[in-house]
Amino acid sequence: MRTKAKPTESIRIKRAYEEPHRGDGRRILVERLWPRGLRKEAAQIDVWLKDIAPSTELRQWYAHDVERWPEFKKRYGAELRANPDAVDRLRSLVREGPTTFIYAAHDEAHNSAVVLRAFLGRRLRRTP
């Protein structure tokens, strides 16, 4: 018997500065600002969802301070819950096939794309 795949298995996370690959599927930039120094042609972004990114205020407060990570996850989750239209749009895009969330931060473990994938995974499991 096959086990059911986790909803987030079709969502990859990749730094904007990594080379795009065919296996990335739909490449969605999940940042409010365009990644510094990255040419649009090189990025090969299919969709840029600025509205799904953390607010400017939250991004500036977090400032990639890992000690603030637990609180950042809570605050960003609250922003996502308050933004159902953007979450629904992203959920629809993810359901269409393999997807890669593109982010700009240096830290691969502590960035908004990590929080977003986990948040969306919980939403995908709950709804058909």
Protein backbone atom coordinates (compact mmCIF):
# COMPACT_ATOMS: atom_id res chain seq x y z
CA MET A 1 0.00 0.00 0.00
CA ARG A 2 1.32 3.44 -0.95
CA THR A 3 1.61 6.06 1.72
CA LYS A 4 0.10 9.41 1.01
CA ALA A 5 2.66 12.12 0.21
CA LYS A 6 2.93 15.06 2.53
CA PRO A 7 1.51 18.26 1.00
CA THR A 8 4.82 20.07 1.41
CA GLU A 9 6.77 17.42 -0.51
CA SER A 10 5.86 19.15 -3.77
CA ILE A 11 7.17 22.47 -2.38
CA ARG A 12 10.89 23.07 -2.55
CA ILE A 13 12.75 26.03 -1.11
CA LYS A 14 15.69 27.60 -2.88
CA ARG A 15 17.83 30.72 -2.57
CA ALA A 16 17.31 33.20 -5.36
CA TYR A 17 21.01 33.11 -6.15
CA GLU A 18 21.06 29.37 -6.86
CA GLU A 19 20.86 28.32 -10.48
CA PRO A 20 17.33 27.52 -11.71
CA HIS A 21 16.66 23.93 -12.80
CA ARG A 22 13.89 22.32 -14.80
CA GLY A 23 12.96 20.24 -11.74
CA ASP A 24 12.09 23.40 -9.79
CA GLY A 25 8.62 23.43 -11.31
CA ARG A 26 6.89 26.76 -10.87
CA ARG A 27 9.31 29.24 -9.29
CA ILE A 28 7.52 31.62 -6.93
CA LEU A 29 9.39 34.53 -5.41
CA VAL A 30 8.05 34.89 -1.87
CA GLU A 31 9.88 38.10 -0.98
CA ARG A 32 8.52 41.62 -0.71
CA LEU A 33 11.69 43.06 -2.27
CA TRP A 34 13.50 41.85 -5.38
CA PRO A 35 16.75 40.07 -4.39
CA ARG A 36 19.66 42.48 -4.51
CA GLY A 37 21.91 42.15 -7.54
CA LEU A 38 19.83 39.44 -9.23
CA ARG A 39 18.95 39.95 -12.89
CA LYS A 40 15.35 39.11 -13.73
CA GLU A 41 16.39 36.96 -16.69
CA ALA A 42 18.73 34.89 -14.52
CA ALA A 43 16.13 34.41 -11.77
CA GLN A 44 13.54 32.78 -14.04
CA ILE A 45 10.71 33.69 -11.65
CA ASP A 46 7.27 32.56 -12.81
CA VAL A 47 5.25 34.39 -10.15
CA TRP A 48 6.23 37.10 -7.69
CA LEU A 49 3.90 37.11 -4.68
CA LYS A 50 4.92 40.21 -2.73
CA ASP A 51 1.74 40.06 -0.63
CA ILE A 52 2.62 36.66 0.86
CA ALA A 53 5.94 37.92 2.25
CA PRO A 54 6.35 39.24 5.81
CA SER A 55 5.39 42.88 6.24
CA THR A 56 8.14 45.47 6.04
CA GLU A 57 7.74 46.11 9.77
CA LEU A 58 8.12 42.42 10.66
CA ARG A 59 11.05 41.94 8.28
CA GLN A 60 12.87 44.94 9.76
CA TRP A 61 12.12 43.83 13.33
CA TYR A 62 13.43 40.31 12.68
CA ALA A 63 16.59 41.52 10.87
CA HIS A 64 17.69 37.87 10.54
CA ASP A 65 18.39 37.69 14.29
CA VAL A 66 18.14 33.95 15.05
CA GLU A 67 17.29 34.69 18.69
CA ARG A 68 14.07 36.28 17.39
CA TRP A 69 13.23 33.26 15.19
CA PRO A 70 10.54 31.71 17.46
CA GLU A 71 8.72 35.03 17.76
CA PHE A 72 9.19 35.75 14.05
CA LYS A 73 7.46 32.45 13.19
CA LYS A 74 4.50 33.36 15.42
CA ARG A 75 4.17 36.89 14.05
CA TYR A 76 4.53 35.81 10.43
CA GLY A 77 1.95 33.08 10.99
CA ALA A 78 -0.44 35.71 12.34
CA GLU A 79 0.16 37.88 9.26
CA LEU A 80 -0.54 34.91 7.00
CA ARG A 81 -3.78 34.08 8.83
CA ALA A 82 -4.83 37.73 8.36
CA ASN A 83 -4.12 37.50 4.62
CA PRO A 84 -6.40 34.68 3.36
CA ASP A 85 -6.57 35.93 -0.23
CA ALA A 86 -2.81 35.68 -0.72
CA VAL A 87 -2.68 32.31 1.06
CA ASP A 88 -5.51 30.96 -1.11
CA ARG A 89 -3.77 32.15 -4.27
CA LEU A 90 -0.54 30.48 -3.23
CA ARG A 91 -2.35 27.29 -2.24
CA SER A 92 -3.98 27.16 -5.68
CA LEU A 93 -0.62 27.58 -7.40
CA VAL A 94 0.98 24.85 -5.31
CA ARG A 95 -1.83 22.41 -6.06
CA GLU A 96 -1.10 22.74 -9.79
CA GLY A 97 2.21 20.90 -9.48
CA PRO A 98 5.80 21.03 -8.29
CA THR A 99 6.68 24.41 -6.86
CA THR A 100 9.80 26.10 -5.56
CA PHE A 101 9.59 29.01 -3.16
CA ILE A 102 12.41 31.41 -3.96
CA TYR A 103 13.87 33.50 -1.13
CA ALA A 104 16.87 35.82 -0.77
CA ALA A 105 18.11 35.32 2.81
CA HIS A 106 21.53 33.79 3.46
CA ASP A 107 20.29 31.54 6.27
CA GLU A 108 18.72 28.42 4.77
CA ALA A 109 17.10 27.32 8.02
CA HIS A 110 15.76 30.62 9.37
CA ASN A 111 13.89 32.46 6.63
CA SER A 112 10.31 33.31 5.76
CA ALA A 113 10.09 30.63 3.03
CA VAL A 114 10.62 27.94 5.68
CA VAL A 115 7.75 29.34 7.75
CA LEU A 116 5.57 29.76 4.68
CA ARG A 117 6.06 26.15 3.53
CA ALA A 118 5.16 24.80 6.99
CA PHE A 119 2.14 27.11 7.25
CA LEU A 120 0.89 26.17 3.80
CA GLY A 121 1.47 22.47 4.46
CA ARG A 122 -0.90 22.62 7.42
CA ARG A 123 -3.52 24.36 5.23
CA LEU A 124 -3.14 21.84 2.42
CA ARG A 125 -3.71 18.90 4.78
CA ARG A 126 -6.92 20.44 6.13
CA THR A 127 -8.65 21.28 2.87
CA PRO A 128 -9.43 19.17 -0.19
